[in-house]
Amino acid sequence: MHRNARIVGNGEQTVVLSHGYGGSQSVWDNVVSRLTQRYQVLLFDWNFSGATDEYSGKPLELSKYSSFTAFADDLISLIDETNLDGVIFIGHSMSGMIGCIASVKRPDLFSHLVLIGASPRYLNSEGYEGGFERMEVEKMFVAIESNFQSWAQSFVTLAIGVNDPISIETFKRSFLQMRPDIALSVAKMIFLSDLRDVLGKVEVPCTIIQGTNDIVVPTSVARYIQHKMKGKAMVEIIRFDGHFPQLTAHQMLMEALDRVLAAVEVQKDGKVSSQEYVVNSGVLG
């Protein structure tokens, strides 16, 4: 389930911000102030996040953390509970595919999907570059289980991808609040998943935002998603290092989002076509 849901900002259009593995809604702090100038923004924490009180005094149900469909159902429930529809969904990392599944189930709830560093499959297979070999992820699971704290410290630094102590500390604080057993369960769900068949069912227009040097997701995945989507899809390639543009390259991310949100207005008239943008790196925000 989702926790700590809140709506901030003003505007007729609602933007939903959905964080990824190990994070919390705090990863969006650098972009929320910009978005709330024009939009109503819905923020929340996933149940695995240490920012929630989900664990307090309750027996652990690992089955709740092992299904993308269960997360998609929770997302649908959240949007329904807040009496929203036609939202612009911005999902980072694992949340990208959660949004895709939810949009297939309830397309009426979504007007546009924005997938940031998303992937339908993280394992390499014949004719597909996911970024990881099976042996790599198995070693990762062993590391999480044997010494979560040590593994988390290393993973956070690699995922941030740049020498940015503030961003590293922000993400590390959130990441280390996860319970190790839940972290392992969610990691297995993510890295062993194969959701490629979902893409051909997604009819809601979509924009894929991808970094050029993402340790988690190769740029080829963004192009794969675009080509497999049933609905119209655009790709924004941003030149930055790491997996968290909302932390380390938020100015470039907002420039990309500004273009996407402007295109959504045009999309309402049925004029958006599949296209690709390349954004120069400039100064990392």
C-alpha atoms as a PDB file:
ATOM      1  CA  MET A   1       0.000   0.000   0.000  1.00  0.00           C
ATOM      2  CA  HIS A   2       0.917   3.655  -0.318  1.00  0.00           C
ATOM      3  CA  ARG A   3       1.544   5.930   2.674  1.00  0.00           C
ATOM      4  CA  ASN A   4       1.930   9.622   3.517  1.00  0.00           C
ATOM      5  CA  ALA A   5      -0.078  10.742   0.491  1.00  0.00           C
ATOM      6  CA  ARG A   6      -0.439  14.494   0.110  1.00  0.00           C
ATOM      7  CA  ILE A   7      -1.537  16.939  -2.578  1.00  0.00           C
ATOM      8  CA  VAL A   8       0.300  20.233  -2.984  1.00  0.00           C
ATOM      9  CA  GLY A   9       0.149  23.085  -5.465  1.00  0.00           C
ATOM     10  CA  ASN A  10      -2.594  24.464  -7.651  1.00  0.00           C
ATOM     11  CA  GLY A  11      -3.820  23.888 -11.139  1.00  0.00           C
ATOM     12  CA  GLU A  12      -6.468  22.056 -13.102  1.00  0.00           C
ATOM     13  CA  GLN A  13      -4.076  19.271 -14.123  1.00  0.00           C
ATOM     14  CA  THR A  14      -2.702  16.805 -11.560  1.00  0.00           C
ATOM     15  CA  VAL A  15       0.802  15.369 -11.723  1.00  0.00           C
ATOM     16  CA  VAL A  16       1.529  12.188  -9.737  1.00  0.00           C
ATOM     17  CA  LEU A  17       5.160  11.674  -8.637  1.00  0.00           C
ATOM     18  CA  SER A  18       6.088   8.066  -7.877  1.00  0.00           C
ATOM     19  CA  HIS A  19       9.515   7.136  -6.464  1.00  0.00           C
ATOM     20  CA  GLY A  20      11.529   3.970  -7.065  1.00  0.00           C
ATOM     21  CA  TYR A  21      13.369   1.315  -5.087  1.00  0.00           C
ATOM     22  CA  GLY A  22      14.878   2.482  -1.816  1.00  0.00           C
ATOM     23  CA  GLY A  23      13.512   5.974  -2.165  1.00  0.00           C
ATOM     24  CA  SER A  24      10.735   8.070  -0.723  1.00  0.00           C
ATOM     25  CA  GLN A  25       8.837  11.129  -1.897  1.00  0.00           C
ATOM     26  CA  SER A  26      11.797  13.197  -0.670  1.00  0.00           C
ATOM     27  CA  VAL A  27      13.720  12.374  -3.868  1.00  0.00           C
ATOM     28  CA  TRP A  28      11.362  14.756  -5.691  1.00  0.00           C
ATOM     29  CA  ASP A  29      12.072  17.771  -3.448  1.00  0.00           C
ATOM     30  CA  ASN A  30      14.164  19.537  -6.113  1.00  0.00           C
ATOM     31  CA  VAL A  31      11.372  19.512  -8.715  1.00  0.00           C
ATOM     32  CA  VAL A  32       8.206  19.832  -6.628  1.00  0.00           C
ATOM     33  CA  SER A  33       8.485  23.597  -6.170  1.00  0.00           C
ATOM     34  CA  ARG A  34       8.659  24.105  -9.924  1.00  0.00           C
ATOM     35  CA  LEU A  35       5.783  21.776 -10.690  1.00  0.00           C
ATOM     36  CA  THR A  36       3.476  23.239  -8.048  1.00  0.00           C
ATOM     37  CA  GLN A  37       3.608  26.643  -9.744  1.00  0.00           C
ATOM     38  CA  ARG A  38       1.402  25.264 -12.522  1.00  0.00           C
ATOM     39  CA  TYR A  39       0.074  21.917 -11.370  1.00  0.00           C
ATOM     40  CA  GLN A  40      -1.554  20.098  -8.513  1.00  0.00           C
ATOM     41  CA  VAL A  41       0.991  17.466  -7.400  1.00  0.00           C
ATOM     42  CA  LEU A  42       0.222  14.179  -5.660  1.00  0.00           C
ATOM     43  CA  LEU A  43       3.115  12.691  -3.652  1.00  0.00           C
ATOM     44  CA  PHE A  44       3.254   9.468  -1.630  1.00  0.00           C
ATOM     45  CA  ASP A  45       5.597   6.769  -0.284  1.00  0.00           C
ATOM     46  CA  TRP A  46       5.488   3.137  -1.340  1.00  0.00           C
ATOM     47  CA  ASN A  47       5.002   0.592   1.421  1.00  0.00           C
ATOM     48  CA  PHE A  48       8.640  -0.597   1.301  1.00  0.00           C
ATOM     49  CA  SER A  49       9.910   2.886   2.064  1.00  0.00           C
ATOM     50  CA  GLY A  50      11.398   3.474   5.494  1.00  0.00           C
ATOM     51  CA  ALA A  51       9.524   6.786   5.474  1.00  0.00           C
ATOM     52  CA  THR A  52       6.291   4.926   6.191  1.00  0.00           C
ATOM     53  CA  ASP A  53       5.010   3.404   9.407  1.00  0.00           C
ATOM     54  CA  GLU A  54       4.037   0.253   7.531  1.00  0.00           C
ATOM     55  CA  TYR A  55       6.298  -1.969   9.596  1.00  0.00           C
ATOM     56  CA  SER A  56       5.308  -0.818  13.074  1.00  0.00           C
ATOM     57  CA  GLY A  57       3.912  -3.646  15.179  1.00  0.00           C
ATOM     58  CA  LYS A  58       2.635  -5.583  12.166  1.00  0.00           C
ATOM     59  CA  PRO A  59       3.551  -9.048  10.904  1.00  0.00           C
ATOM     60  CA  LEU A  60       5.514  -8.895   7.681  1.00  0.00           C
ATOM     61  CA  GLU A  61       3.773 -10.047   4.512  1.00  0.00           C
ATOM     62  CA  LEU A  62       6.511 -10.395   1.914  1.00  0.00           C
ATOM     63  CA  SER A  63       3.924 -11.312  -0.724  1.00  0.00           C
ATOM     64  CA  LYS A  64       2.913  -7.633  -0.698  1.00  0.00           C
ATOM     65  CA  TYR A  65       6.368  -6.739  -1.991  1.00  0.00           C
ATOM     66  CA  SER A  66       6.723  -9.309  -4.758  1.00  0.00           C
ATOM     67  CA  SER A  67       4.279  -8.283  -7.478  1.00  0.00           C
ATOM     68  CA  PHE A  68       4.279  -5.325  -9.861  1.00  0.00           C
ATOM     69  CA  THR A  69       0.557  -5.897 -10.312  1.00  0.00           C
ATOM     70  CA  ALA A  70      -0.047  -5.442  -6.583  1.00  0.00           C
ATOM     71  CA  PHE A  71       1.788  -2.116  -6.676  1.00  0.00           C
ATOM     72  CA  ALA A  72      -0.230  -1.081  -9.747  1.00  0.00           C
ATOM     73  CA  ASP A  73      -3.447  -1.912  -7.905  1.00  0.00           C
ATOM     74  CA  ASP A  74      -2.301   0.256  -4.993  1.00  0.00           C
ATOM     75  CA  LEU A  75      -1.611   3.120  -7.404  1.00  0.00           C
ATOM     76  CA  ILE A  76      -5.082   2.785  -8.884  1.00  0.00           C
ATOM     77  CA  SER A  77      -6.587   2.783  -5.388  1.00  0.00           C
ATOM     78  CA  LEU A  78      -4.682   5.930  -4.468  1.00  0.00           C
ATOM     79  CA  ILE A  79      -5.862   7.835  -7.542  1.00  0.00           C
ATOM     80  CA  ASP A  80      -9.426   6.654  -6.995  1.00  0.00           C
ATOM     81  CA  GLU A  81      -9.330   7.580  -3.303  1.00  0.00           C
ATOM     82  CA  THR A  82      -8.244  11.115  -4.164  1.00  0.00           C
ATOM     83  CA  ASN A  83     -11.048  11.415  -6.756  1.00  0.00           C
ATOM     84  CA  LEU A  84      -8.641  12.097  -9.605  1.00  0.00           C
ATOM     85  CA  ASP A  85      -8.575  11.043 -13.233  1.00  0.00           C
ATOM     86  CA  GLY A  86      -6.641  11.971 -16.347  1.00  0.00           C
ATOM     87  CA  VAL A  87      -3.464  12.479 -14.307  1.00  0.00           C
ATOM     88  CA  ILE A  88       0.034  12.897 -15.681  1.00  0.00           C
ATOM     89  CA  PHE A  89       1.966  10.082 -14.038  1.00  0.00           C
ATOM     90  CA  ILE A  90       5.721  10.531 -13.544  1.00  0.00           C
ATOM     91  CA  GLY A  91       7.311   7.279 -12.408  1.00  0.00           C
ATOM     92  CA  HIS A  92      10.991   6.794 -11.639  1.00  0.00           C
ATOM     93  CA  SER A  93      12.745   3.456 -12.112  1.00  0.00           C
ATOM     94  CA  MET A  94      10.489   0.558 -10.975  1.00  0.00           C
ATOM     95  CA  SER A  95       7.534   2.950 -10.776  1.00  0.00           C
ATOM     96  CA  GLY A  96       7.633   3.402 -14.535  1.00  0.00           C
ATOM     97  CA  MET A  97       6.368  -0.115 -15.174  1.00  0.00           C
ATOM     98  CA  ILE A  98       3.953   0.135 -12.251  1.00  0.00           C
ATOM     99  CA  GLY A  99       2.391   3.103 -14.039  1.00  0.00           C
ATOM    100  CA  CYS A 100       2.273   1.175 -17.306  1.00  0.00           C
ATOM    101  CA  ILE A 101       0.429  -1.757 -15.719  1.00  0.00           C
ATOM    102  CA  ALA A 102      -1.981   0.580 -13.944  1.00  0.00           C
ATOM    103  CA  SER A 103      -2.701   2.424 -17.199  1.00  0.00           C
ATOM    104  CA  VAL A 104      -3.567  -0.831 -18.945  1.00  0.00           C
ATOM    105  CA  LYS A 105      -6.023  -1.676 -16.174  1.00  0.00           C
ATOM    106  CA  ARG A 106      -7.509   1.814 -15.884  1.00  0.00           C
ATOM    107  CA  PRO A 107      -6.608   4.032 -18.860  1.00  0.00           C
ATOM    108  CA  ASP A 108      -9.238   6.560 -17.765  1.00  0.00           C
ATOM    109  CA  LEU A 109      -7.068   7.544 -14.802  1.00  0.00           C
ATOM    110  CA  PHE A 110      -4.126   8.668 -16.951  1.00  0.00           C
ATOM    111  CA  SER A 111      -3.647  11.291 -19.653  1.00  0.00           C
ATOM    112  CA  HIS A 112       0.122  10.791 -20.034  1.00  0.00           C
ATOM    113  CA  LEU A 113       2.889   8.583 -18.626  1.00  0.00           C
ATOM    114  CA  VAL A 114       6.431   9.837 -18.016  1.00  0.00           C
ATOM    115  CA  LEU A 115       8.910   7.021 -17.382  1.00  0.00           C
ATOM    116  CA  ILE A 116      12.268   8.111 -15.918  1.00  0.00           C
ATOM    117  CA  GLY A 117      14.994   5.463 -16.019  1.00  0.00           C
ATOM    118  CA  ALA A 118      12.401   2.713 -16.384  1.00  0.00           C
ATOM    119  CA  SER A 119      12.904  -0.834 -17.651  1.00  0.00           C
ATOM    120  CA  PRO A 120      10.594  -3.770 -18.423  1.00  0.00           C
ATOM    121  CA  ARG A 121      13.450  -6.277 -17.939  1.00  0.00           C
ATOM    122  CA  TYR A 122      16.831  -5.829 -16.256  1.00  0.00           C
ATOM    123  CA  LEU A 123      18.373  -9.138 -17.313  1.00  0.00           C
ATOM    124  CA  ASN A 124      20.068  -9.559 -20.676  1.00  0.00           C
ATOM    125  CA  SER A 125      18.537 -12.121 -22.999  1.00  0.00           C
ATOM    126  CA  GLU A 126      18.916 -13.077 -26.635  1.00  0.00           C
ATOM    127  CA  GLY A 127      18.314  -9.963 -28.727  1.00  0.00           C
ATOM    128  CA  TYR A 128      17.720  -7.778 -25.667  1.00  0.00           C
ATOM    129  CA  GLU A 129      20.153  -5.714 -23.593  1.00  0.00           C
ATOM    130  CA  GLY A 130      18.743  -5.292 -20.106  1.00  0.00           C
ATOM    131  CA  GLY A 131      22.048  -4.362 -18.512  1.00  0.00           C
ATOM    132  CA  PHE A 132      22.621  -7.297 -16.116  1.00  0.00           C
ATOM    133  CA  GLU A 133      23.607 -10.949 -16.308  1.00  0.00           C
ATOM    134  CA  ARG A 134      21.781 -13.440 -14.087  1.00  0.00           C
ATOM    135  CA  MET A 135      24.959 -14.166 -12.128  1.00  0.00           C
ATOM    136  CA  GLU A 136      25.354 -10.455 -11.312  1.00  0.00           C
ATOM    137  CA  VAL A 137      21.914 -10.128  -9.779  1.00  0.00           C
ATOM    138  CA  GLU A 138      22.265 -13.397  -7.861  1.00  0.00           C
ATOM    139  CA  LYS A 139      25.454 -12.017  -6.283  1.00  0.00           C
ATOM    140  CA  MET A 140      23.560  -8.851  -5.445  1.00  0.00           C
ATOM    141  CA  PHE A 141      20.836 -10.836  -3.656  1.00  0.00           C
ATOM    142  CA  VAL A 142      23.485 -12.673  -1.612  1.00  0.00           C
ATOM    143  CA  ALA A 143      25.086  -9.342  -0.677  1.00  0.00           C
ATOM    144  CA  ILE A 144      21.753  -7.857   0.424  1.00  0.00           C
ATOM    145  CA  GLU A 145      20.985 -10.890   2.536  1.00  0.00           C
ATOM    146  CA  SER A 146      24.423 -11.214   4.127  1.00  0.00           C
ATOM    147  CA  ASN A 147      25.162  -7.538   4.853  1.00  0.00           C
ATOM    148  CA  PHE A 148      22.465  -5.123   3.760  1.00  0.00           C
ATOM    149  CA  GLN A 149      24.105  -2.049   5.302  1.00  0.00           C
ATOM    150  CA  SER A 150      27.396  -2.585   3.486  1.00  0.00           C
ATOM    151  CA  TRP A 151      25.720  -3.392   0.161  1.00  0.00           C
ATOM    152  CA  ALA A 152      23.393  -0.392   0.447  1.00  0.00           C
ATOM    153  CA  GLN A 153      26.277   2.027   1.000  1.00  0.00           C
ATOM    154  CA  SER A 154      27.947   0.829  -2.214  1.00  0.00           C
ATOM    155  CA  PHE A 155      24.755   0.664  -4.257  1.00  0.00           C
ATOM    156  CA  VAL A 156      23.685   4.187  -3.341  1.00  0.00           C
ATOM    157  CA  THR A 157      27.007   5.650  -4.479  1.00  0.00           C
ATOM    158  CA  LEU A 158      26.914   3.725  -7.755  1.00  0.00           C
ATOM    159  CA  ALA A 159      23.278   4.637  -8.439  1.00  0.00           C
ATOM    160  CA  ILE A 160      23.837   8.357  -7.810  1.00  0.00           C
ATOM    161  CA  GLY A 161      26.745   8.128 -10.252  1.00  0.00           C
ATOM    162  CA  VAL A 162      28.396  11.486  -9.563  1.00  0.00           C
ATOM    163  CA  ASN A 163      30.385  13.080  -6.758  1.00  0.00           C
ATOM    164  CA  ASP A 164      27.406  14.771  -5.156  1.00  0.00           C
ATOM    165  CA  PRO A 165      27.588  14.333  -1.357  1.00  0.00           C
ATOM    166  CA  ILE A 166      24.204  15.978  -0.715  1.00  0.00           C
ATOM    167  CA  SER A 167      22.357  13.718  -3.168  1.00  0.00           C
ATOM    168  CA  ILE A 168      24.208  10.646  -1.910  1.00  0.00           C
ATOM    169  CA  GLU A 169      23.304  11.462   1.691  1.00  0.00           C
ATOM    170  CA  THR A 170      19.660  12.191   0.796  1.00  0.00           C
ATOM    171  CA  PHE A 171      19.211   8.873  -0.976  1.00  0.00           C
ATOM    172  CA  LYS A 172      21.301   6.905   1.527  1.00  0.00           C
ATOM    173  CA  ARG A 173      19.176   8.139   4.412  1.00  0.00           C
ATOM    174  CA  SER A 174      16.042   6.881   2.681  1.00  0.00           C
ATOM    175  CA  PHE A 175      17.615   3.654   1.426  1.00  0.00           C
ATOM    176  CA  LEU A 176      18.980   2.538   4.779  1.00  0.00           C
ATOM    177  CA  GLN A 177      15.564   2.920   6.397  1.00  0.00           C
ATOM    178  CA  MET A 178      14.290  -0.091   4.458  1.00  0.00           C
ATOM    179  CA  ARG A 179      14.075  -3.370   6.297  1.00  0.00           C
ATOM    180  CA  PRO A 180      16.692  -5.748   4.822  1.00  0.00           C
ATOM    181  CA  ASP A 181      14.204  -8.578   4.232  1.00  0.00           C
ATOM    182  CA  ILE A 182      11.849  -6.226   2.416  1.00  0.00           C
ATOM    183  CA  ALA A 183      14.747  -4.742   0.436  1.00  0.00           C
ATOM    184  CA  LEU A 184      15.654  -8.257  -0.727  1.00  0.00           C
ATOM    185  CA  SER A 185      12.080  -9.150  -1.658  1.00  0.00           C
ATOM    186  CA  VAL A 186      11.580  -5.970  -3.688  1.00  0.00           C
ATOM    187  CA  ALA A 187      15.008  -6.327  -5.351  1.00  0.00           C
ATOM    188  CA  LYS A 188      14.097  -9.837  -6.511  1.00  0.00           C
ATOM    189  CA  MET A 189      10.782  -8.567  -7.857  1.00  0.00           C
ATOM    190  CA  ILE A 190      12.539  -5.823  -9.824  1.00  0.00           C
ATOM    191  CA  PHE A 191      15.623  -7.547 -11.174  1.00  0.00           C
ATOM    192  CA  LEU A 192      13.990 -10.883 -12.041  1.00  0.00           C
ATOM    193  CA  SER A 193      10.945  -9.337 -13.701  1.00  0.00           C
ATOM    194  CA  ASP A 194      10.081  -9.549 -17.386  1.00  0.00           C
ATOM    195  CA  LEU A 195       7.284  -7.125 -18.205  1.00  0.00           C
ATOM    196  CA  ARG A 196       8.048  -6.623 -21.879  1.00  0.00           C
ATOM    197  CA  ASP A 197       4.650  -7.999 -22.878  1.00  0.00           C
ATOM    198  CA  VAL A 198       2.962  -5.161 -20.959  1.00  0.00           C
ATOM    199  CA  LEU A 199       4.333  -2.510 -23.328  1.00  0.00           C
ATOM    200  CA  GLY A 200       2.227  -3.656 -26.269  1.00  0.00           C
ATOM    201  CA  LYS A 201      -0.912  -3.083 -24.181  1.00  0.00           C
ATOM    202  CA  VAL A 202      -0.139   0.497 -23.112  1.00  0.00           C
ATOM    203  CA  GLU A 203      -2.357   2.886 -25.048  1.00  0.00           C
ATOM    204  CA  VAL A 204      -1.879   5.996 -22.892  1.00  0.00           C
ATOM    205  CA  PRO A 205       0.626   8.375 -24.564  1.00  0.00           C
ATOM    206  CA  CYS A 206       4.053   8.111 -23.001  1.00  0.00           C
ATOM    207  CA  THR A 207       7.409   9.880 -22.733  1.00  0.00           C
ATOM    208  CA  ILE A 208      10.546   7.966 -21.781  1.00  0.00           C
ATOM    209  CA  ILE A 209      13.275  10.073 -20.132  1.00  0.00           C
ATOM    210  CA  GLN A 210      16.647   8.338 -20.087  1.00  0.00           C
ATOM    211  CA  GLY A 211      20.161   9.326 -19.033  1.00  0.00           C
ATOM    212  CA  THR A 212      23.130   8.642 -21.278  1.00  0.00           C
ATOM    213  CA  ASN A 213      25.202   6.997 -18.546  1.00  0.00           C
ATOM    214  CA  ASP A 214      22.756   5.173 -16.284  1.00  0.00           C
ATOM    215  CA  ILE A 215      24.392   2.261 -14.417  1.00  0.00           C
ATOM    216  CA  VAL A 216      21.001   0.586 -13.985  1.00  0.00           C
ATOM    217  CA  VAL A 217      19.323   1.068 -17.392  1.00  0.00           C
ATOM    218  CA  PRO A 218      21.103   1.205 -20.787  1.00  0.00           C
ATOM    219  CA  THR A 219      19.871   3.811 -23.288  1.00  0.00           C
ATOM    220  CA  SER A 220      18.857   0.978 -25.620  1.00  0.00           C
ATOM    221  CA  VAL A 221      16.058   0.124 -23.178  1.00  0.00           C
ATOM    222  CA  ALA A 222      14.416   3.515 -23.712  1.00  0.00           C
ATOM    223  CA  ARG A 223      14.358   2.942 -27.460  1.00  0.00           C
ATOM    224  CA  TYR A 224      13.029  -0.582 -26.918  1.00  0.00           C
ATOM    225  CA  ILE A 225      10.162   0.725 -24.793  1.00  0.00           C
ATOM    226  CA  GLN A 226       9.328   3.366 -27.390  1.00  0.00           C
ATOM    227  CA  HIS A 227       9.177   0.859 -30.233  1.00  0.00           C
ATOM    228  CA  LYS A 228       7.092  -1.660 -28.282  1.00  0.00           C
ATOM    229  CA  MET A 229       4.493   0.755 -26.899  1.00  0.00           C
ATOM    230  CA  LYS A 230       1.048   0.378 -28.405  1.00  0.00           C
ATOM    231  CA  GLY A 231       0.308   4.062 -27.936  1.00  0.00           C
ATOM    232  CA  LYS A 232       2.357   7.070 -29.001  1.00  0.00           C
ATOM    233  CA  ALA A 233       5.735   7.359 -27.308  1.00  0.00           C
ATOM    234  CA  MET A 234       8.468   9.977 -27.236  1.00  0.00           C
ATOM    235  CA  VAL A 235      12.029   9.636 -25.949  1.00  0.00           C
ATOM    236  CA  GLU A 236      14.024  12.323 -24.150  1.00  0.00           C
ATOM    237  CA  ILE A 237      17.721  11.470 -23.865  1.00  0.00           C
ATOM    238  CA  ILE A 238      19.457  13.580 -21.203  1.00  0.00           C
ATOM    239  CA  ARG A 239      23.248  13.638 -20.973  1.00  0.00           C
ATOM    240  CA  PHE A 240      24.006  13.026 -17.304  1.00  0.00           C
ATOM    241  CA  ASP A 241      25.564  10.310 -15.146  1.00  0.00           C
ATOM    242  CA  GLY A 242      23.645   8.133 -12.715  1.00  0.00           C
ATOM    243  CA  HIS A 243      20.119   6.880 -12.169  1.00  0.00           C
ATOM    244  CA  PHE A 244      18.621   9.856 -10.313  1.00  0.00           C
ATOM    245  CA  PRO A 245      18.207  13.000 -12.439  1.00  0.00           C
ATOM    246  CA  GLN A 246      15.680  14.372  -9.920  1.00  0.00           C
ATOM    247  CA  LEU A 247      18.574  14.535  -7.447  1.00  0.00           C
ATOM    248  CA  THR A 248      21.713  15.227  -9.491  1.00  0.00           C
ATOM    249  CA  ALA A 249      20.431  16.811 -12.718  1.00  0.00           C
ATOM    250  CA  HIS A 250      17.128  18.325 -11.659  1.00  0.00           C
ATOM    251  CA  GLN A 251      17.493  21.456 -13.790  1.00  0.00           C
ATOM    252  CA  MET A 252      17.871  19.362 -16.941  1.00  0.00           C
ATOM    253  CA  LEU A 253      15.085  17.078 -15.822  1.00  0.00           C
ATOM    254  CA  MET A 254      12.754  20.050 -15.341  1.00  0.00           C
ATOM    255  CA  GLU A 255      13.639  21.353 -18.797  1.00  0.00           C
ATOM    256  CA  ALA A 256      12.681  17.956 -20.197  1.00  0.00           C
ATOM    257  CA  LEU A 257       9.502  17.846 -18.131  1.00  0.00           C
ATOM    258  CA  ASP A 258       8.569  21.342 -19.286  1.00  0.00           C
ATOM    259  CA  ARG A 259       8.753  20.119 -22.888  1.00  0.00           C
ATOM    260  CA  VAL A 260       6.778  16.992 -22.060  1.00  0.00           C
ATOM    261  CA  LEU A 261       4.060  18.874 -20.222  1.00  0.00           C
ATOM    262  CA  ALA A 262       3.807  21.405 -23.043  1.00  0.00           C
ATOM    263  CA  ALA A 263       3.486  18.523 -25.494  1.00  0.00           C
ATOM    264  CA  VAL A 264       0.670  17.051 -23.417  1.00  0.00           C
ATOM    265  CA  GLU A 265      -1.343  20.182 -24.123  1.00  0.00           C
ATOM    266  CA  VAL A 266      -0.798  19.613 -27.844  1.00  0.00           C
ATOM    267  CA  GLN A 267      -1.527  15.926 -27.411  1.00  0.00           C
ATOM    268  CA  LYS A 268      -5.046  16.793 -26.303  1.00  0.00           C
ATOM    269  CA  ASP A 269      -5.604  17.928 -29.862  1.00  0.00           C
ATOM    270  CA  GLY A 270      -4.245  14.645 -31.207  1.00  0.00           C
ATOM    271  CA  LYS A 271      -1.117  16.220 -32.704  1.00  0.00           C
ATOM    272  CA  VAL A 272       1.724  14.493 -30.838  1.00  0.00           C
ATOM    273  CA  SER A 273       3.807  12.076 -32.894  1.00  0.00           C
ATOM    274  CA  SER A 274       6.587   9.692 -31.937  1.00  0.00           C
ATOM    275  CA  GLN A 275       9.829  11.654 -31.756  1.00  0.00           C
ATOM    276  CA  GLU A 276      13.086  11.934 -29.872  1.00  0.00           C
ATOM    277  CA  TYR A 277      14.897  14.825 -28.227  1.00  0.00           C
ATOM    278  CA  VAL A 278      18.535  14.986 -27.155  1.00  0.00           C
ATOM    279  CA  VAL A 279      19.363  17.436 -24.374  1.00  0.00           C
ATOM    280  CA  ASN A 280      22.899  18.727 -23.913  1.00  0.00           C
ATOM    281  CA  SER A 281      24.345  18.219 -20.467  1.00  0.00           C
ATOM    282  CA  GLY A 282      25.363  21.753 -19.485  1.00  0.00           C
ATOM    283  CA  VAL A 283      25.852  22.143 -15.737  1.00  0.00           C
ATOM    284  CA  LEU A 284      24.450  19.339 -13.637  1.00  0.00           C
ATOM    285  CA  GLY A 285      21.790  20.852 -11.424  1.00  0.00           C
END
